[in-house]
Amino acid sequence: MKKISYKVALGGVLAAVALLIMFTTGLAPFLTYVAPMFAGMLAIMMMVEVSYGWATLTYVAVAILCILITPDREAAFLYIFFFGYYPIVKGLIEKMKNGVLRWILKFVVFNVSTVTCYFLIINLFGMKDVFDSLNSMGKYGLLIFWIAANFTFLIYDNFLNSVAIMYVKWFRTKFLRKKK
């Protein structure tokens, strides 16, 4: 069993790296979506090395600090409402036997999280400019965006599988000298 100091230290280091990644959202517009994805992937390390519970605690710490230091509010909300916790939820969903039910649940989590996130961004924080660019696509702009977002989620979910495998089979064995 790992000592509490190891768990706290690893959580602190991963939280610091996640916050550093989130802080980069002020550098380029595309980082609004990319940075929360990569910051959330760090949860995989915490789940593998410690537990789902500690990964959740690390997510909560980063989510709270993200609100305070992330220059891009949309990116902060994307991390908080989806990308920060999804790798943890995905790990739990993947334990289900029924593959169809797994995918349905994943898409439900994604869509409910995304709609909630953007509802709050637009209505609570008055960031209506987030969807202004969709007007250029005509009356189907929102539908096109929703389909593209779900397709991107499918790619992201599969990418998380690859990241988890690469972490366990390559990074962990090569750099941390731990068995698979």
Protein backbone atom coordinates (compact mmCIF):
# COMPACT_ATOMS: atom_id res chain seq x y z
CA MET A 1 0.00 0.00 0.00
CA LYS A 2 1.31 3.42 -0.94
CA LYS A 3 1.93 6.01 1.73
CA ILE A 4 -0.30 9.03 2.00
CA SER A 5 2.67 11.33 1.34
CA TYR A 6 3.22 9.64 -2.05
CA LYS A 7 -0.45 10.07 -2.96
CA VAL A 8 -0.51 13.74 -1.95
CA ALA A 9 2.79 14.46 -3.72
CA LEU A 10 1.73 12.76 -6.94
CA GLY A 11 -1.64 14.53 -6.82
CA GLY A 12 0.11 17.85 -6.25
CA VAL A 13 2.53 17.37 -9.12
CA LEU A 14 -0.20 16.26 -11.52
CA ALA A 15 -2.43 19.15 -10.41
CA ALA A 16 0.43 21.60 -11.00
CA VAL A 17 1.07 20.21 -14.48
CA ALA A 18 -2.66 20.32 -15.29
CA LEU A 19 -2.85 23.94 -14.14
CA LEU A 20 0.22 24.81 -16.19
CA ILE A 21 -1.45 23.28 -19.24
CA MET A 22 -4.67 25.18 -18.51
CA PHE A 23 -2.72 28.42 -18.08
CA THR A 24 -1.50 28.09 -21.69
CA THR A 25 -5.05 28.70 -22.95
CA GLY A 26 -4.23 32.40 -23.12
CA LEU A 27 -1.53 31.78 -25.76
CA ALA A 28 -3.59 30.64 -28.76
CA PRO A 29 -7.32 30.29 -29.52
CA PHE A 30 -7.17 26.56 -30.40
CA LEU A 31 -5.87 25.82 -26.89
CA THR A 32 -9.37 26.54 -25.56
CA TYR A 33 -10.30 22.98 -26.53
CA VAL A 34 -6.93 21.21 -26.62
CA ALA A 35 -5.57 22.25 -23.21
CA PRO A 36 -8.53 20.91 -21.17
CA MET A 37 -8.25 17.60 -23.05
CA PHE A 38 -4.58 17.18 -22.19
CA ALA A 39 -4.99 18.44 -18.63
CA GLY A 40 -7.76 15.88 -18.08
CA MET A 41 -5.61 13.04 -19.40
CA LEU A 42 -3.36 13.39 -16.37
CA ALA A 43 -6.13 11.71 -14.36
CA ILE A 44 -5.11 8.46 -16.05
CA MET A 45 -1.78 8.55 -14.21
CA MET A 46 -3.49 9.15 -10.88
CA MET A 47 -5.96 6.31 -11.46
CA VAL A 48 -3.23 3.84 -12.41
CA GLU A 49 -0.75 4.84 -9.72
CA VAL A 50 -3.15 5.45 -6.82
CA SER A 51 -6.94 5.14 -7.27
CA TYR A 52 -10.09 6.57 -8.81
CA GLY A 53 -10.82 8.39 -5.55
CA TRP A 54 -7.49 10.18 -5.54
CA ALA A 55 -7.90 11.00 -9.23
CA THR A 56 -11.24 12.59 -8.35
CA LEU A 57 -9.68 14.63 -5.52
CA THR A 58 -6.98 15.84 -7.90
CA TYR A 59 -9.65 16.80 -10.45
CA VAL A 60 -11.57 18.79 -7.81
CA ALA A 61 -8.41 20.66 -6.76
CA VAL A 62 -7.55 21.53 -10.35
CA ALA A 63 -11.16 22.53 -11.10
CA ILE A 64 -11.23 24.97 -8.20
CA LEU A 65 -7.85 26.47 -9.05
CA CYS A 66 -8.71 26.52 -12.75
CA ILE A 67 -11.45 29.07 -12.11
CA LEU A 68 -8.92 31.34 -10.42
CA ILE A 69 -5.94 31.21 -12.80
CA THR A 70 -7.06 30.08 -16.25
CA PRO A 71 -7.13 33.09 -18.58
CA ASP A 72 -9.75 31.48 -20.87
CA ARG A 73 -13.06 30.99 -19.03
CA GLU A 74 -14.48 28.74 -21.74
CA ALA A 75 -11.49 26.41 -21.39
CA ALA A 76 -11.88 26.38 -17.61
CA PHE A 77 -15.53 25.40 -17.95
CA LEU A 78 -14.73 22.71 -20.50
CA TYR A 79 -12.25 21.23 -18.03
CA ILE A 80 -14.66 21.45 -15.11
CA PHE A 81 -17.76 20.19 -16.91
CA PHE A 82 -16.22 17.43 -19.01
CA PHE A 83 -12.53 16.97 -19.81
CA GLY A 84 -11.32 17.02 -16.22
CA TYR A 85 -13.47 14.19 -14.94
CA TYR A 86 -14.27 12.22 -18.10
CA PRO A 87 -11.15 10.01 -17.99
CA ILE A 88 -12.21 8.94 -14.47
CA VAL A 89 -15.83 8.30 -15.49
CA LYS A 90 -14.64 6.52 -18.63
CA GLY A 91 -12.53 4.18 -16.52
CA LEU A 92 -15.60 3.24 -14.51
CA ILE A 93 -17.85 2.92 -17.56
CA GLU A 94 -15.30 0.66 -19.28
CA LYS A 95 -15.84 -1.92 -16.52
CA MET A 96 -19.38 -2.55 -17.80
CA LYS A 97 -19.83 -5.76 -19.80
CA ASN A 98 -22.40 -4.51 -22.33
CA GLY A 99 -20.54 -2.61 -25.08
CA VAL A 100 -23.64 -0.92 -26.51
CA LEU A 101 -24.69 0.32 -23.07
CA ARG A 102 -21.13 1.58 -22.48
CA TRP A 103 -21.22 3.72 -25.64
CA ILE A 104 -24.73 5.01 -24.93
CA LEU A 105 -23.67 6.03 -21.43
CA LYS A 106 -20.50 7.70 -22.74
CA PHE A 107 -22.45 9.76 -25.27
CA VAL A 108 -25.07 10.68 -22.66
CA VAL A 109 -22.33 11.87 -20.28
CA PHE A 110 -20.68 13.87 -23.08
CA ASN A 111 -23.86 15.50 -24.36
CA VAL A 112 -25.35 16.33 -20.96
CA SER A 113 -22.00 17.74 -19.80
CA THR A 114 -21.50 19.79 -22.95
CA VAL A 115 -25.02 21.22 -23.01
CA THR A 116 -24.79 22.10 -19.31
CA CYS A 117 -21.39 23.72 -19.81
CA TYR A 118 -22.44 25.89 -22.71
CA PHE A 119 -25.80 26.73 -21.14
CA LEU A 120 -23.94 28.16 -18.15
CA ILE A 121 -21.31 29.87 -20.28
CA ILE A 122 -23.95 31.61 -22.38
CA ASN A 123 -26.73 32.31 -19.87
CA LEU A 124 -24.99 32.67 -16.54
CA PHE A 125 -21.82 34.39 -17.68
CA GLY A 126 -23.20 36.23 -20.71
CA MET A 127 -20.60 34.88 -23.10
CA LYS A 128 -23.00 34.87 -26.05
CA ASP A 129 -20.11 35.41 -28.48
CA VAL A 130 -19.20 31.72 -28.05
CA PHE A 131 -21.89 30.73 -30.56
CA ASP A 132 -21.78 33.81 -32.79
CA SER A 133 -19.51 32.02 -35.26
CA LEU A 134 -22.20 29.36 -35.78
CA ASN A 135 -24.42 31.95 -37.49
CA SER A 136 -22.08 31.90 -40.49
CA MET A 137 -23.12 28.27 -41.10
CA GLY A 138 -26.76 29.23 -41.49
CA LYS A 139 -29.77 27.80 -39.71
CA TYR A 140 -28.10 24.38 -39.37
CA GLY A 141 -24.99 25.76 -37.70
CA LEU A 142 -25.87 24.43 -34.26
CA LEU A 143 -26.73 20.98 -35.64
CA ILE A 144 -23.46 20.85 -37.61
CA PHE A 145 -21.56 21.90 -34.48
CA TRP A 146 -23.33 19.23 -32.37
CA ILE A 147 -22.58 16.46 -34.90
CA ALA A 148 -18.95 17.58 -35.20
CA ALA A 149 -18.64 17.72 -31.41
CA ASN A 150 -19.97 14.14 -31.05
CA PHE A 151 -17.63 12.89 -33.76
CA THR A 152 -14.72 14.64 -32.03
CA PHE A 153 -15.78 13.03 -28.75
CA LEU A 154 -15.64 9.60 -30.40
CA ILE A 155 -12.07 10.29 -31.52
CA TYR A 156 -11.16 11.66 -28.07
CA ASP A 157 -12.57 8.59 -26.31
CA ASN A 158 -10.49 6.29 -28.50
CA PHE A 159 -7.44 8.53 -28.03
CA LEU A 160 -7.83 8.16 -24.24
CA ASN A 161 -7.63 4.37 -24.69
CA SER A 162 -4.35 4.78 -26.57
CA VAL A 163 -2.97 7.16 -23.94
CA ALA A 164 -3.85 4.75 -21.12
CA ILE A 165 -2.23 1.82 -22.92
CA MET A 166 0.86 3.86 -23.76
CA TYR A 167 1.16 5.04 -20.16
CA VAL A 168 0.85 1.56 -18.66
CA LYS A 169 2.86 -0.41 -21.20
CA TRP A 170 5.54 2.08 -22.24
CA PHE A 171 5.95 5.13 -19.99
CA ARG A 172 5.40 3.32 -16.71
CA THR A 173 7.81 0.51 -17.52
CA LYS A 174 10.48 2.63 -19.19
CA PHE A 175 10.56 5.73 -17.00
CA LEU A 176 9.04 4.64 -13.70
CA ARG A 177 10.54 1.13 -13.81
CA LYS A 178 7.23 -0.41 -12.79
CA LYS A 179 5.76 -3.63 -14.13
CA LYS A 180 2.72 -3.68 -16.38
